[in-house]
Structures are given as C-alpha cells and as structure tokens.
C-alpha cells in the first residue's frame, strides 16, 4: 500500500476514527510515541540530552563490561530521523566521537578497528557539519577532540589531524 492509498483511506474516515487509529499507533509503537511526544512538546535540548545519555550508555553500559556500540550508533541514527535542527544533530555526532575518545583513553583499547571507527565517525561528523555550514561554530570542539587523541596508538592522532585539515 502506497502513500496515495493511505491518504485516500484516511480521507474517507471520520475524524473520530482517525483519532482512534492514531491513538492505537501511539500506544503500540515506541518510535511513534517518541515522535508525537516531540511533536506536542518540542524540547530539543531535553531530547538531545536523552540521546547523549543513550550514546554514552553504549560505551559505558550499566550492565556488563562489553562495549555496545551498536546502541550508540542506533541512537545517533534515530535522532537524525526525528528531523531535529542541524546544530543538534551535529552536536550529537561530535559527542559520539568525544565519548569514543574518552572510552579509548580510559579503557586503553588496543584494537585498530576501534580507532578506525573513531576516525570514521569524526569524518562523518565533519562532513555533516560542512554540509550544513556549521564548521565554524564547532571548531573549538573539534580542536579539543583532536588534542585528546594524542596518546592513542595506530597513528590515530595523525589521522584525525589529516581529517581535520580536509575541512578547516
């Protein structure tokens, strides 16, 4: 069923029937509930803080010691789908990289794949910031992030400098 068919069906229903269907969808699907909650009360800062908490939880899970990076990446992707302001999305993308760097420093991660992921997420964040003309407002955060990468193995610091020089 396409969007045209759904629209045609919704137009044929009475207002009370549409409200009933929307309430059912709201109750059943957490993503729809989250969307409508934000639609009714668009507190972008509170939503950003909630997603920052989710990103942090992927690197520092409450239960167990293993990293759950898929949860952090999922939080970032879900946040993007809510069509929030580009500044908030850019802030979350950089936050993901900042938490990854902090985790790497504290846990002394030695795998090359982890540092490659940091570099990839950093490049993705800068590409997003460039696309939305936000490089300048986030320049101090970028400099701070690169400074924290200095003691990392696998030449991560050098690679991060190279990535930054591609954008600044």
C-alpha atoms as a PDB file:
ATOM      1  CA  UNK A   1       0.000   0.000   0.000  1.00  0.00           C
ATOM      2  CA  UNK A   2       1.422   3.321  -1.018  1.00  0.00           C
ATOM      3  CA  UNK A   3       1.128   6.785   0.464  1.00  0.00           C
ATOM      4  CA  UNK A   4      -1.587   7.688  -2.035  1.00  0.00           C
ATOM      5  CA  UNK A   5      -3.715   4.722  -0.903  1.00  0.00           C
ATOM      6  CA  UNK A   6      -3.228   5.584   2.763  1.00  0.00           C
ATOM      7  CA  UNK A   7      -4.210   9.201   2.117  1.00  0.00           C
ATOM      8  CA  UNK A   8      -7.318   8.108   0.228  1.00  0.00           C
ATOM      9  CA  UNK A   9      -8.317   5.777   3.066  1.00  0.00           C
ATOM     10  CA  UNK A  10      -7.719   8.430   5.737  1.00  0.00           C
ATOM     11  CA  UNK A  11      -9.771  10.985   3.806  1.00  0.00           C
ATOM     12  CA  UNK A  12     -12.689   8.572   3.707  1.00  0.00           C
ATOM     13  CA  UNK A  13     -12.675   8.117   7.512  1.00  0.00           C
ATOM     14  CA  UNK A  14     -14.389  10.371  10.021  1.00  0.00           C
ATOM     15  CA  UNK A  15     -12.334  12.466  12.416  1.00  0.00           C
ATOM     16  CA  UNK A  16     -13.057  10.199  15.415  1.00  0.00           C
ATOM     17  CA  UNK A  17     -11.922   7.105  13.503  1.00  0.00           C
ATOM     18  CA  UNK A  18      -8.655   8.805  12.526  1.00  0.00           C
ATOM     19  CA  UNK A  19      -8.063   9.852  16.145  1.00  0.00           C
ATOM     20  CA  UNK A  20      -8.750   6.281  17.271  1.00  0.00           C
ATOM     21  CA  UNK A  21      -6.217   4.883  14.765  1.00  0.00           C
ATOM     22  CA  UNK A  22      -3.579   7.427  15.761  1.00  0.00           C
ATOM     23  CA  UNK A  23      -4.032   6.596  19.437  1.00  0.00           C
ATOM     24  CA  UNK A  24      -3.641   2.883  18.697  1.00  0.00           C
ATOM     25  CA  UNK A  25      -0.420   3.506  16.767  1.00  0.00           C
ATOM     26  CA  UNK A  26       0.780   5.773  19.587  1.00  0.00           C
ATOM     27  CA  UNK A  27       0.215   3.002  22.157  1.00  0.00           C
ATOM     28  CA  UNK A  28       1.785   0.204  20.119  1.00  0.00           C
ATOM     29  CA  UNK A  29       4.930   1.696  18.630  1.00  0.00           C
ATOM     30  CA  UNK A  30       7.554   3.382  20.850  1.00  0.00           C
ATOM     31  CA  UNK A  31       9.056   5.300  17.912  1.00  0.00           C
ATOM     32  CA  UNK A  32       5.679   6.784  17.031  1.00  0.00           C
ATOM     33  CA  UNK A  33       5.136   7.685  20.687  1.00  0.00           C
ATOM     34  CA  UNK A  34       8.517   9.413  20.786  1.00  0.00           C
ATOM     35  CA  UNK A  35       7.728  11.306  17.574  1.00  0.00           C
ATOM     36  CA  UNK A  36       4.337  12.511  18.817  1.00  0.00           C
ATOM     37  CA  UNK A  37       5.759  13.430  22.231  1.00  0.00           C
ATOM     38  CA  UNK A  38       8.317  15.603  20.486  1.00  0.00           C
ATOM     39  CA  UNK A  39       5.672  16.957  18.099  1.00  0.00           C
ATOM     40  CA  UNK A  40       3.473  18.056  21.000  1.00  0.00           C
ATOM     41  CA  UNK A  41       6.310  19.345  23.201  1.00  0.00           C
ATOM     42  CA  UNK A  42       9.347  20.184  21.009  1.00  0.00           C
ATOM     43  CA  UNK A  43      12.002  20.497  23.734  1.00  0.00           C
ATOM     44  CA  UNK A  44      15.031  19.943  21.539  1.00  0.00           C
ATOM     45  CA  UNK A  45      17.586  20.353  24.331  1.00  0.00           C
ATOM     46  CA  UNK A  46      15.930  17.710  26.524  1.00  0.00           C
ATOM     47  CA  UNK A  47      15.741  15.324  23.571  1.00  0.00           C
ATOM     48  CA  UNK A  48      19.407  15.952  22.744  1.00  0.00           C
ATOM     49  CA  UNK A  49      20.383  15.208  26.362  1.00  0.00           C
ATOM     50  CA  UNK A  50      18.371  11.973  26.284  1.00  0.00           C
ATOM     51  CA  UNK A  51      20.134  10.823  23.122  1.00  0.00           C
ATOM     52  CA  UNK A  52      23.512  11.830  24.543  1.00  0.00           C
ATOM     53  CA  UNK A  53      22.722   9.588  27.501  1.00  0.00           C
ATOM     54  CA  UNK A  54      21.932   6.729  25.096  1.00  0.00           C
ATOM     55  CA  UNK A  55      25.198   7.262  23.214  1.00  0.00           C
ATOM     56  CA  UNK A  56      27.139   7.295  26.484  1.00  0.00           C
ATOM     57  CA  UNK A  57      25.393   4.115  27.617  1.00  0.00           C
ATOM     58  CA  UNK A  58      26.668   2.259  24.548  1.00  0.00           C
ATOM     59  CA  UNK A  59      30.266   2.945  25.565  1.00  0.00           C
ATOM     60  CA  UNK A  60      29.664   2.596  29.302  1.00  0.00           C
ATOM     61  CA  UNK A  61      26.862   0.032  29.689  1.00  0.00           C
ATOM     62  CA  UNK A  62      25.154  -0.176  33.069  1.00  0.00           C
ATOM     63  CA  UNK A  63      25.336  -3.969  32.973  1.00  0.00           C
ATOM     64  CA  UNK A  64      28.386  -5.845  31.799  1.00  0.00           C
ATOM     65  CA  UNK A  65      31.732  -4.551  30.617  1.00  0.00           C
ATOM     66  CA  UNK A  66      31.479  -5.117  26.870  1.00  0.00           C
ATOM     67  CA  UNK A  67      31.007  -2.102  24.661  1.00  0.00           C
ATOM     68  CA  UNK A  68      27.638  -1.931  22.950  1.00  0.00           C
ATOM     69  CA  UNK A  69      28.495   0.455  20.141  1.00  0.00           C
ATOM     70  CA  UNK A  70      25.539  -0.630  18.041  1.00  0.00           C
ATOM     71  CA  UNK A  71      23.306   1.043  20.641  1.00  0.00           C
ATOM     72  CA  UNK A  72      25.240   4.280  20.349  1.00  0.00           C
ATOM     73  CA  UNK A  73      25.120   4.238  16.544  1.00  0.00           C
ATOM     74  CA  UNK A  74      21.398   3.414  16.658  1.00  0.00           C
ATOM     75  CA  UNK A  75      20.786   6.375  18.989  1.00  0.00           C
ATOM     76  CA  UNK A  76      22.527   8.720  16.543  1.00  0.00           C
ATOM     77  CA  UNK A  77      20.574   7.350  13.571  1.00  0.00           C
ATOM     78  CA  UNK A  78      17.260   7.554  15.439  1.00  0.00           C
ATOM     79  CA  UNK A  79      17.998  11.141  16.417  1.00  0.00           C
ATOM     80  CA  UNK A  80      18.667  12.046  12.773  1.00  0.00           C
ATOM     81  CA  UNK A  81      15.279  10.595  11.753  1.00  0.00           C
ATOM     82  CA  UNK A  82      13.428  12.935  14.095  1.00  0.00           C
ATOM     83  CA  UNK A  83      14.484  15.815  11.792  1.00  0.00           C
ATOM     84  CA  UNK A  84      15.898  17.960  14.556  1.00  0.00           C
ATOM     85  CA  UNK A  85      17.882  21.117  13.827  1.00  0.00           C
ATOM     86  CA  UNK A  86      21.227  20.559  12.099  1.00  0.00           C
ATOM     87  CA  UNK A  87      23.037  22.078  15.106  1.00  0.00           C
ATOM     88  CA  UNK A  88      21.623  19.415  17.428  1.00  0.00           C
ATOM     89  CA  UNK A  89      22.458  16.578  15.026  1.00  0.00           C
ATOM     90  CA  UNK A  90      25.994  17.937  14.578  1.00  0.00           C
ATOM     91  CA  UNK A  91      26.415  18.199  18.339  1.00  0.00           C
ATOM     92  CA  UNK A  92      25.346  14.572  18.778  1.00  0.00           C
ATOM     93  CA  UNK A  93      27.661  13.368  16.003  1.00  0.00           C
ATOM     94  CA  UNK A  94      30.617  15.088  17.658  1.00  0.00           C
ATOM     95  CA  UNK A  95      29.504  13.817  21.066  1.00  0.00           C
ATOM     96  CA  UNK A  96      29.622  10.244  19.737  1.00  0.00           C
ATOM     97  CA  UNK A  97      33.246  10.766  18.735  1.00  0.00           C
ATOM     98  CA  UNK A  98      34.081  12.504  22.033  1.00  0.00           C
ATOM     99  CA  UNK A  99      32.704   9.610  24.077  1.00  0.00           C
ATOM    100  CA  UNK A 100      34.571   7.125  21.876  1.00  0.00           C
ATOM    101  CA  UNK A 101      37.815   9.019  22.503  1.00  0.00           C
ATOM    102  CA  UNK A 102      37.132   9.199  26.234  1.00  0.00           C
ATOM    103  CA  UNK A 103      36.388   5.469  26.317  1.00  0.00           C
ATOM    104  CA  UNK A 104      39.564   4.663  24.370  1.00  0.00           C
ATOM    105  CA  UNK A 105      41.652   6.685  26.821  1.00  0.00           C
ATOM    106  CA  UNK A 106      40.098   5.182  29.936  1.00  0.00           C
ATOM    107  CA  UNK A 107      39.962   1.567  28.806  1.00  0.00           C
ATOM    108  CA  UNK A 108      43.256   1.620  26.881  1.00  0.00           C
ATOM    109  CA  UNK A 109      41.658  -0.050  23.863  1.00  0.00           C
ATOM    110  CA  UNK A 110      44.310  -1.581  21.628  1.00  0.00           C
ATOM    111  CA  UNK A 111      42.380  -2.740  18.566  1.00  0.00           C
ATOM    112  CA  UNK A 112      42.882  -0.921  15.300  1.00  0.00           C
ATOM    113  CA  UNK A 113      39.194  -1.343  14.414  1.00  0.00           C
ATOM    114  CA  UNK A 114      38.174   0.797  17.393  1.00  0.00           C
ATOM    115  CA  UNK A 115      40.402   3.689  16.320  1.00  0.00           C
ATOM    116  CA  UNK A 116      39.341   3.327  12.704  1.00  0.00           C
ATOM    117  CA  UNK A 117      35.747   3.675  13.922  1.00  0.00           C
ATOM    118  CA  UNK A 118      36.685   6.867  15.786  1.00  0.00           C
ATOM    119  CA  UNK A 119      38.237   8.295  12.625  1.00  0.00           C
ATOM    120  CA  UNK A 120      35.217   7.282  10.532  1.00  0.00           C
ATOM    121  CA  UNK A 121      32.742   8.859  12.940  1.00  0.00           C
ATOM    122  CA  UNK A 122      34.889  12.009  13.114  1.00  0.00           C
ATOM    123  CA  UNK A 123      34.919  12.316   9.324  1.00  0.00           C
ATOM    124  CA  UNK A 124      31.155  11.732   9.168  1.00  0.00           C
ATOM    125  CA  UNK A 125      30.587  14.437  11.792  1.00  0.00           C
ATOM    126  CA  UNK A 126      32.754  16.940   9.912  1.00  0.00           C
ATOM    127  CA  UNK A 127      31.069  16.103   6.608  1.00  0.00           C
ATOM    128  CA  UNK A 128      27.683  16.728   8.197  1.00  0.00           C
ATOM    129  CA  UNK A 129      28.871  19.995   9.748  1.00  0.00           C
ATOM    130  CA  UNK A 130      30.312  21.149   6.419  1.00  0.00           C
ATOM    131  CA  UNK A 131      27.131  20.236   4.542  1.00  0.00           C
ATOM    132  CA  UNK A 132      25.106  22.376   6.986  1.00  0.00           C
ATOM    133  CA  UNK A 133      27.642  25.243   7.213  1.00  0.00           C
ATOM    134  CA  UNK A 134      28.366  24.558  10.888  1.00  0.00           C
ATOM    135  CA  UNK A 135      32.124  24.021  10.867  1.00  0.00           C
ATOM    136  CA  UNK A 136      32.926  27.382  12.439  1.00  0.00           C
ATOM    137  CA  UNK A 137      30.606  27.112  15.485  1.00  0.00           C
ATOM    138  CA  UNK A 138      32.022  23.675  16.334  1.00  0.00           C
ATOM    139  CA  UNK A 139      35.697  24.461  15.643  1.00  0.00           C
ATOM    140  CA  UNK A 140      36.661  24.609  19.344  1.00  0.00           C
ATOM    141  CA  UNK A 141      35.054  21.207  19.996  1.00  0.00           C
ATOM    142  CA  UNK A 142      36.947  19.750  17.041  1.00  0.00           C
ATOM    143  CA  UNK A 143      40.286  21.132  18.311  1.00  0.00           C
ATOM    144  CA  UNK A 144      39.622  19.774  21.801  1.00  0.00           C
ATOM    145  CA  UNK A 145      38.749  16.374  20.378  1.00  0.00           C
ATOM    146  CA  UNK A 146      41.954  16.146  18.368  1.00  0.00           C
ATOM    147  CA  UNK A 147      44.014  17.136  21.412  1.00  0.00           C
ATOM    148  CA  UNK A 148      42.565  14.231  23.371  1.00  0.00           C
ATOM    149  CA  UNK A 149      43.658  11.741  20.684  1.00  0.00           C
ATOM    150  CA  UNK A 150      47.381  12.387  21.070  1.00  0.00           C
ATOM    151  CA  UNK A 151      48.353   9.339  23.169  1.00  0.00           C
ATOM    152  CA  UNK A 152      46.434   6.878  21.000  1.00  0.00           C
ATOM    153  CA  UNK A 153      48.098   4.017  19.122  1.00  0.00           C
ATOM    154  CA  UNK A 154      47.729   3.253  15.416  1.00  0.00           C
ATOM    155  CA  UNK A 155      48.574   6.877  14.491  1.00  0.00           C
ATOM    156  CA  UNK A 156      45.032   7.897  15.338  1.00  0.00           C
ATOM    157  CA  UNK A 157      46.091  11.425  16.256  1.00  0.00           C
ATOM    158  CA  UNK A 158      47.848  11.905  12.896  1.00  0.00           C
ATOM    159  CA  UNK A 159      44.836  10.577  11.015  1.00  0.00           C
ATOM    160  CA  UNK A 160      42.492  12.865  12.958  1.00  0.00           C
ATOM    161  CA  UNK A 161      44.712  15.858  12.123  1.00  0.00           C
ATOM    162  CA  UNK A 162      44.607  14.875   8.462  1.00  0.00           C
ATOM    163  CA  UNK A 163      40.826  14.600   8.515  1.00  0.00           C
ATOM    164  CA  UNK A 164      40.528  17.994  10.194  1.00  0.00           C
ATOM    165  CA  UNK A 165      42.842  19.591   7.627  1.00  0.00           C
ATOM    166  CA  UNK A 166      40.497  18.358   4.887  1.00  0.00           C
ATOM    167  CA  UNK A 167      37.730  20.549   6.339  1.00  0.00           C
ATOM    168  CA  UNK A 168      39.443  23.521   8.018  1.00  0.00           C
END
